Amino acid sequence: MYTQAQLARHHMTELHTQAENHRLAKEAKPERELRKRIGWTLVEVGLRLASPTPAIAP
């Protein structure tokens, strides 16, 4: 019985460690919103550069 209780305690400790590691990893991720804004800005600039310029009528 003692070994089962000890195994359960070790399992709980492992679960707590995994949860803490997940929390820390989630906080360390770069901010997605900024990456999206920069990406779409680059797409917009690229489209403007790739589109032909309208001819000015004399």
C-alpha atoms as a PDB file:
ATOM      1  CA  MET A   1       0.000   0.000   0.000  1.00  0.00           C
ATOM      2  CA  TYR A   2       2.844   2.356   0.800  1.00  0.00           C
ATOM      3  CA  THR A   3       4.387   1.920  -2.652  1.00  0.00           C
ATOM      4  CA  GLN A   4       1.087   2.785  -4.351  1.00  0.00           C
ATOM      5  CA  ALA A   5       0.808   5.989  -2.327  1.00  0.00           C
ATOM      6  CA  GLN A   6       4.401   6.866  -3.137  1.00  0.00           C
ATOM      7  CA  LEU A   7       3.831   6.195  -6.843  1.00  0.00           C
ATOM      8  CA  ALA A   8       0.723   8.379  -6.788  1.00  0.00           C
ATOM      9  CA  ARG A   9       2.680  11.180  -5.108  1.00  0.00           C
ATOM     10  CA  HIS A  10       5.444  10.952  -7.724  1.00  0.00           C
ATOM     11  CA  HIS A  11       2.853  10.964 -10.487  1.00  0.00           C
ATOM     12  CA  MET A  12       1.194  14.085  -9.050  1.00  0.00           C
ATOM     13  CA  THR A  13       4.587  15.789  -8.777  1.00  0.00           C
ATOM     14  CA  GLU A  14       5.294  14.954 -12.412  1.00  0.00           C
ATOM     15  CA  LEU A  15       1.911  16.341 -13.480  1.00  0.00           C
ATOM     16  CA  HIS A  16       2.528  19.562 -11.564  1.00  0.00           C
ATOM     17  CA  THR A  17       5.954  19.904 -13.189  1.00  0.00           C
ATOM     18  CA  GLN A  18       4.483  19.386 -16.654  1.00  0.00           C
ATOM     19  CA  ALA A  19       1.775  21.955 -15.977  1.00  0.00           C
ATOM     20  CA  GLU A  20       4.357  24.487 -14.765  1.00  0.00           C
ATOM     21  CA  ASN A  21       6.545  23.853 -17.827  1.00  0.00           C
ATOM     22  CA  HIS A  22       3.530  24.328 -20.103  1.00  0.00           C
ATOM     23  CA  ARG A  23       2.636  27.594 -18.388  1.00  0.00           C
ATOM     24  CA  LEU A  24       6.198  28.899 -18.723  1.00  0.00           C
ATOM     25  CA  ALA A  25       6.394  27.863 -22.394  1.00  0.00           C
ATOM     26  CA  LYS A  26       3.091  29.586 -23.140  1.00  0.00           C
ATOM     27  CA  GLU A  27       4.341  32.833 -21.585  1.00  0.00           C
ATOM     28  CA  ALA A  28       7.601  32.686 -23.566  1.00  0.00           C
ATOM     29  CA  LYS A  29       5.936  32.495 -27.005  1.00  0.00           C
ATOM     30  CA  PRO A  30       6.299  35.609 -29.151  1.00  0.00           C
ATOM     31  CA  GLU A  31       3.239  37.747 -29.529  1.00  0.00           C
ATOM     32  CA  ARG A  32       1.253  36.535 -32.528  1.00  0.00           C
ATOM     33  CA  GLU A  33      -0.631  39.761 -33.166  1.00  0.00           C
ATOM     34  CA  LEU A  34       2.533  41.713 -33.918  1.00  0.00           C
ATOM     35  CA  ARG A  35       3.766  38.999 -36.283  1.00  0.00           C
ATOM     36  CA  LYS A  36       0.445  39.044 -38.150  1.00  0.00           C
ATOM     37  CA  ARG A  37       0.474  42.817 -38.524  1.00  0.00           C
ATOM     38  CA  ILE A  38       4.042  42.841 -39.815  1.00  0.00           C
ATOM     39  CA  GLY A  39       3.277  40.004 -42.229  1.00  0.00           C
ATOM     40  CA  TRP A  40       0.206  41.668 -43.696  1.00  0.00           C
ATOM     41  CA  THR A  41       2.066  44.982 -43.983  1.00  0.00           C
ATOM     42  CA  LEU A  42       4.791  43.247 -45.971  1.00  0.00           C
ATOM     43  CA  VAL A  43       2.177  41.652 -48.209  1.00  0.00           C
ATOM     44  CA  GLU A  44       0.557  45.030 -48.829  1.00  0.00           C
ATOM     45  CA  VAL A  45       3.903  46.662 -49.665  1.00  0.00           C
ATOM     46  CA  GLY A  46       4.758  43.787 -51.989  1.00  0.00           C
ATOM     47  CA  LEU A  47       1.450  44.098 -53.803  1.00  0.00           C
ATOM     48  CA  ARG A  48       1.943  47.833 -54.236  1.00  0.00           C
ATOM     49  CA  LEU A  49       5.428  47.276 -55.657  1.00  0.00           C
ATOM     50  CA  ALA A  50       4.229  44.520 -57.998  1.00  0.00           C
ATOM     51  CA  SER A  51       1.230  46.374 -59.396  1.00  0.00           C
ATOM     52  CA  PRO A  52       1.813  48.471 -62.528  1.00  0.00           C
ATOM     53  CA  THR A  53       1.729  52.205 -62.080  1.00  0.00           C
ATOM     54  CA  PRO A  54      -1.132  53.944 -63.873  1.00  0.00           C
ATOM     55  CA  ALA A  55      -0.126  56.002 -66.902  1.00  0.00           C
ATOM     56  CA  ILE A  56      -0.685  59.725 -66.510  1.00  0.00           C
ATOM     57  CA  ALA A  57      -2.676  61.198 -69.396  1.00  0.00           C
ATOM     58  CA  PRO A  58      -1.151  64.308 -70.986  1.00  0.00           C
END
